[in-house]
C-alpha atoms as a PDB file:
ATOM      1  CA  MET A   1       0.000   0.000   0.000  1.00  0.00           C
ATOM      2  CA  ASN A   2       2.822   2.354   0.849  1.00  0.00           C
ATOM      3  CA  LYS A   3       4.429   1.903  -2.551  1.00  0.00           C
ATOM      4  CA  ILE A   4       1.130   2.608  -4.324  1.00  0.00           C
ATOM      5  CA  LEU A   5       0.713   5.838  -2.362  1.00  0.00           C
ATOM      6  CA  ARG A   6       4.213   6.973  -3.329  1.00  0.00           C
ATOM      7  CA  ILE A   7       3.499   6.221  -6.988  1.00  0.00           C
ATOM      8  CA  VAL A   8       0.215   8.153  -6.841  1.00  0.00           C
ATOM      9  CA  ARG A   9       2.024  11.070  -5.171  1.00  0.00           C
ATOM     10  CA  PHE A  10       4.640  11.149  -7.909  1.00  0.00           C
ATOM     11  CA  ILE A  11       2.028  10.906 -10.698  1.00  0.00           C
ATOM     12  CA  LEU A  12       0.027  13.778  -9.205  1.00  0.00           C
ATOM     13  CA  PHE A  13       3.194  15.839  -8.861  1.00  0.00           C
ATOM     14  CA  VAL A  14       3.988  15.273 -12.543  1.00  0.00           C
ATOM     15  CA  ILE A  15       0.416  16.227 -13.484  1.00  0.00           C
ATOM     16  CA  VAL A  16       0.721  19.466 -11.478  1.00  0.00           C
ATOM     17  CA  CYS A  17       4.007  20.262 -13.226  1.00  0.00           C
ATOM     18  CA  PHE A  18       2.523  19.655 -16.681  1.00  0.00           C
ATOM     19  CA  LEU A  19      -0.569  21.727 -15.892  1.00  0.00           C
ATOM     20  CA  ASN A  20       1.694  24.563 -14.717  1.00  0.00           C
ATOM     21  CA  ILE A  21       3.667  24.430 -17.937  1.00  0.00           C
ATOM     22  CA  TYR A  22       0.422  24.412 -19.897  1.00  0.00           C
ATOM     23  CA  CYS A  23      -1.002  27.386 -17.986  1.00  0.00           C
ATOM     24  CA  ILE A  24       2.156  29.476 -18.166  1.00  0.00           C
ATOM     25  CA  TYR A  25       3.414  28.828 -21.683  1.00  0.00           C
ATOM     26  CA  ILE A  26       0.594  27.434 -23.811  1.00  0.00           C
ATOM     27  CA  ARG A  27      -2.363  29.409 -22.414  1.00  0.00           C
ATOM     28  CA  HIS A  28      -0.095  32.486 -22.300  1.00  0.00           C
ATOM     29  CA  THR A  29      -0.975  33.601 -18.803  1.00  0.00           C
ATOM     30  CA  GLY A  30       2.713  33.907 -17.969  1.00  0.00           C
ATOM     31  CA  LEU A  31       4.042  34.426 -14.492  1.00  0.00           C
ATOM     32  CA  ILE A  32       1.345  36.651 -13.105  1.00  0.00           C
ATOM     33  CA  SER A  33       2.868  37.793  -9.831  1.00  0.00           C
ATOM     34  CA  TRP A  34       5.640  37.213  -7.328  1.00  0.00           C
ATOM     35  CA  SER A  35       3.486  34.576  -5.675  1.00  0.00           C
ATOM     36  CA  ASN A  36       3.631  32.597  -8.910  1.00  0.00           C
ATOM     37  CA  VAL A  37       7.419  32.887  -8.952  1.00  0.00           C
ATOM     38  CA  LEU A  38       7.517  31.642  -5.359  1.00  0.00           C
ATOM     39  CA  TYR A  39       5.190  28.799  -6.318  1.00  0.00           C
ATOM     40  CA  VAL A  40       7.453  27.679  -9.171  1.00  0.00           C
ATOM     41  CA  PHE A  41      10.460  27.900  -6.837  1.00  0.00           C
ATOM     42  CA  LEU A  42       8.693  25.784  -4.189  1.00  0.00           C
ATOM     43  CA  LEU A  43       7.718  23.208  -6.809  1.00  0.00           C
ATOM     44  CA  PHE A  44      11.343  23.032  -7.885  1.00  0.00           C
ATOM     45  CA  ILE A  45      12.379  22.437  -4.263  1.00  0.00           C
ATOM     46  CA  MET A  46       9.759  19.692  -3.945  1.00  0.00           C
ATOM     47  CA  PHE A  47      11.080  18.094  -7.125  1.00  0.00           C
ATOM     48  CA  ILE A  48      14.636  18.088  -5.780  1.00  0.00           C
ATOM     49  CA  LEU A  49      13.466  16.631  -2.456  1.00  0.00           C
ATOM     50  CA  PHE A  50      11.480  13.886  -4.202  1.00  0.00           C
ATOM     51  CA  ILE A  51      14.518  12.870  -6.204  1.00  0.00           C
ATOM     52  CA  LYS A  52      16.799  13.041  -3.167  1.00  0.00           C
ATOM     53  CA  ASP A  53      14.404  10.948  -1.059  1.00  0.00           C
ATOM     54  CA  PHE A  54      14.006   8.424  -3.841  1.00  0.00           C
ATOM     55  CA  ILE A  55      17.755   8.013  -4.373  1.00  0.00           C
ATOM     56  CA  LYS A  56      18.595   7.802  -0.663  1.00  0.00           C
ATOM     57  CA  LYS A  57      15.492   5.735   0.162  1.00  0.00           C
ATOM     58  CA  SER A  58      14.697   8.123   2.962  1.00  0.00           C
ATOM     59  CA  LYS A  59      12.508   7.204   5.935  1.00  0.00           C
ATOM     60  CA  ILE A  60      10.142  10.082   5.176  1.00  0.00           C
ATOM     61  CA  ASN A  61       8.722   8.037   2.308  1.00  0.00           C
ATOM     62  CA  ASP A  62       7.479   5.497   4.855  1.00  0.00           C
ATOM     63  CA  ASN A  63       5.417   8.143   6.619  1.00  0.00           C
ATOM     64  CA  ASN A  64       1.900   7.518   5.316  1.00  0.00           C
ATOM     65  CA  THR A  65       0.546  10.751   6.757  1.00  0.00           C
ATOM     66  CA  TYR A  66       3.070  12.824   4.824  1.00  0.00           C
ATOM     67  CA  VAL A  67       2.398  10.957   1.602  1.00  0.00           C
ATOM     68  CA  ILE A  68      -1.393  11.309   1.952  1.00  0.00           C
ATOM     69  CA  ILE A  69      -1.108  15.028   2.703  1.00  0.00           C
ATOM     70  CA  CYS A  70       1.092  15.424  -0.391  1.00  0.00           C
ATOM     71  CA  ILE A  71      -1.489  13.582  -2.471  1.00  0.00           C
ATOM     72  CA  LEU A  72      -4.286  15.823  -1.204  1.00  0.00           C
ATOM     73  CA  CYS A  73      -2.305  19.007  -1.864  1.00  0.00           C
ATOM     74  CA  PHE A  74      -1.339  17.949  -5.379  1.00  0.00           C
ATOM     75  CA  LEU A  75      -4.906  16.868  -6.069  1.00  0.00           C
ATOM     76  CA  ILE A  76      -6.223  20.300  -5.058  1.00  0.00           C
ATOM     77  CA  MET A  77      -3.577  22.049  -7.144  1.00  0.00           C
ATOM     78  CA  SER A  78      -4.244  19.935 -10.210  1.00  0.00           C
ATOM     79  CA  PHE A  79      -7.996  20.533  -9.877  1.00  0.00           C
ATOM     80  CA  ILE A  80      -7.567  24.326  -9.729  1.00  0.00           C
ATOM     81  CA  LEU A  81      -5.058  24.359 -12.596  1.00  0.00           C
ATOM     82  CA  TYR A  82      -7.349  22.145 -14.667  1.00  0.00           C
ATOM     83  CA  ARG A  83     -10.262  24.513 -14.047  1.00  0.00           C
ATOM     84  CA  THR A  84      -8.119  27.483 -14.994  1.00  0.00           C
ATOM     85  CA  SER A  85      -7.194  25.936 -18.328  1.00  0.00           C
ATOM     86  CA  PHE A  86     -10.027  23.702 -19.466  1.00  0.00           C
ATOM     87  CA  ASP A  87     -13.292  24.205 -17.556  1.00  0.00           C
ATOM     88  CA  THR A  88     -15.888  25.690 -19.911  1.00  0.00           C
ATOM     89  CA  SER A  89     -18.210  26.689 -17.084  1.00  0.00           C
ATOM     90  CA  LEU A  90     -15.802  29.552 -16.373  1.00  0.00           C
ATOM     91  CA  PHE A  91     -16.625  32.357 -18.778  1.00  0.00           C
ATOM     92  CA  PHE A  92     -12.996  33.146 -19.637  1.00  0.00           C
ATOM     93  CA  ASN A  93     -12.587  29.608 -20.996  1.00  0.00           C
ATOM     94  CA  LYS A  94     -15.948  29.535 -22.767  1.00  0.00           C
ATOM     95  CA  TYR A  95     -15.678  32.788 -24.677  1.00  0.00           C
ATOM     96  CA  PHE A  96     -12.423  33.819 -26.299  1.00  0.00           C
ATOM     97  CA  THR A  97     -13.341  37.444 -27.027  1.00  0.00           C
ATOM     98  CA  ASN A  98     -15.874  39.826 -25.645  1.00  0.00           C
ATOM     99  CA  PRO A  99     -18.228  41.899 -27.840  1.00  0.00           C
ATOM    100  CA  TYR A 100     -16.003  44.952 -27.493  1.00  0.00           C
ATOM    101  CA  GLY A 101     -12.991  43.313 -29.119  1.00  0.00           C
ATOM    102  CA  GLY A 102     -10.920  42.437 -26.027  1.00  0.00           C
ATOM    103  CA  SER A 103     -10.046  39.065 -24.653  1.00  0.00           C
ATOM    104  CA  PHE A 104     -10.984  37.468 -21.365  1.00  0.00           C
ATOM    105  CA  ILE A 105      -7.431  36.438 -20.481  1.00  0.00           C
ATOM    106  CA  GLU A 106      -7.223  39.240 -17.919  1.00  0.00           C
ATOM    107  CA  TYR A 107      -9.964  37.464 -15.924  1.00  0.00           C
ATOM    108  CA  ARG A 108      -8.007  34.218 -15.817  1.00  0.00           C
ATOM    109  CA  MET A 109      -5.051  35.922 -14.183  1.00  0.00           C
ATOM    110  CA  PRO A 110      -6.777  37.093 -10.947  1.00  0.00           C
ATOM    111  CA  TYR A 111      -8.404  33.663 -10.564  1.00  0.00           C
ATOM    112  CA  LEU A 112      -5.008  32.013 -10.795  1.00  0.00           C
ATOM    113  CA  LYS A 113      -3.324  34.703  -8.677  1.00  0.00           C
ATOM    114  CA  GLN A 114      -5.686  34.300  -5.735  1.00  0.00           C
ATOM    115  CA  ASN A 115      -5.176  30.536  -5.783  1.00  0.00           C
ATOM    116  CA  MET A 116      -1.387  30.882  -5.925  1.00  0.00           C
ATOM    117  CA  ILE A 117      -1.500  32.239  -2.378  1.00  0.00           C
ATOM    118  CA  TYR A 118      -3.118  29.009  -1.183  1.00  0.00           C
ATOM    119  CA  PHE A 119      -0.750  26.881  -3.249  1.00  0.00           C
ATOM    120  CA  ASN A 120       2.240  28.587  -1.659  1.00  0.00           C
ATOM    121  CA  ILE A 121       0.826  28.090   1.827  1.00  0.00           C
ATOM    122  CA  MET A 122       0.183  24.404   1.131  1.00  0.00           C
ATOM    123  CA  LEU A 123       3.696  23.822  -0.206  1.00  0.00           C
ATOM    124  CA  ILE A 124       5.354  25.716   2.651  1.00  0.00           C
ATOM    125  CA  LEU A 125       3.360  23.717   5.196  1.00  0.00           C
ATOM    126  CA  LEU A 126       4.320  20.509   3.411  1.00  0.00           C
ATOM    127  CA  LEU A 127       7.971  21.454   3.614  1.00  0.00           C
ATOM    128  CA  ILE A 128       7.649  22.321   7.313  1.00  0.00           C
ATOM    129  CA  TYR A 129       5.853  19.053   8.038  1.00  0.00           C
ATOM    130  CA  ARG A 130       8.520  17.161   6.110  1.00  0.00           C
ATOM    131  CA  ARG A 131      11.305  18.896   8.015  1.00  0.00           C
ATOM    132  CA  ILE A 132       9.757  18.166  11.419  1.00  0.00           C
ATOM    133  CA  ASN A 133       9.063  14.524  10.643  1.00  0.00           C
ATOM    134  CA  PHE A 134      12.337  13.978   8.843  1.00  0.00           C
ATOM    135  CA  ASN A 135      14.217  15.062  11.957  1.00  0.00           C
ATOM    136  CA  LYS A 136      11.931  12.927  14.126  1.00  0.00           C
ATOM    137  CA  LYS A 137      12.491   9.831  11.963  1.00  0.00           C
ATOM    138  CA  ILE A 138      16.259  10.250  12.063  1.00  0.00           C
ATOM    139  CA  ASN A 139      16.314  10.583  15.850  1.00  0.00           C
ATOM    140  CA  ASP A 140      14.202   7.444  16.364  1.00  0.00           C
END
């Protein structure tokens, strides 16, 4: 069961990374604020930690609580990024131009910007939780 959870965590992390690339480069929203830059930096740190834990076979991977929390965070992030890019119930994805000749891309940016704050908080809390439990596992 533990191995399946780690695989699901890694798959969701890859999905979040691909959805970020899609939102930033293909949908042309770009980096919308400093919170988005921080978010990309935190994702890069998570990527490095995943690789480091996988290579060293760290004890933190055996912590089911940490793995489940990671899965939930990545699931929330992938859901929001999917909605930002593909959900047609949001008017900025349904209509490409407004009647006055502009585009609705400027409405996608605040939606993504307000969620970046929550993404950053989730990733920072994940890193703090990992740090606390990593030190606890080593001392045991």
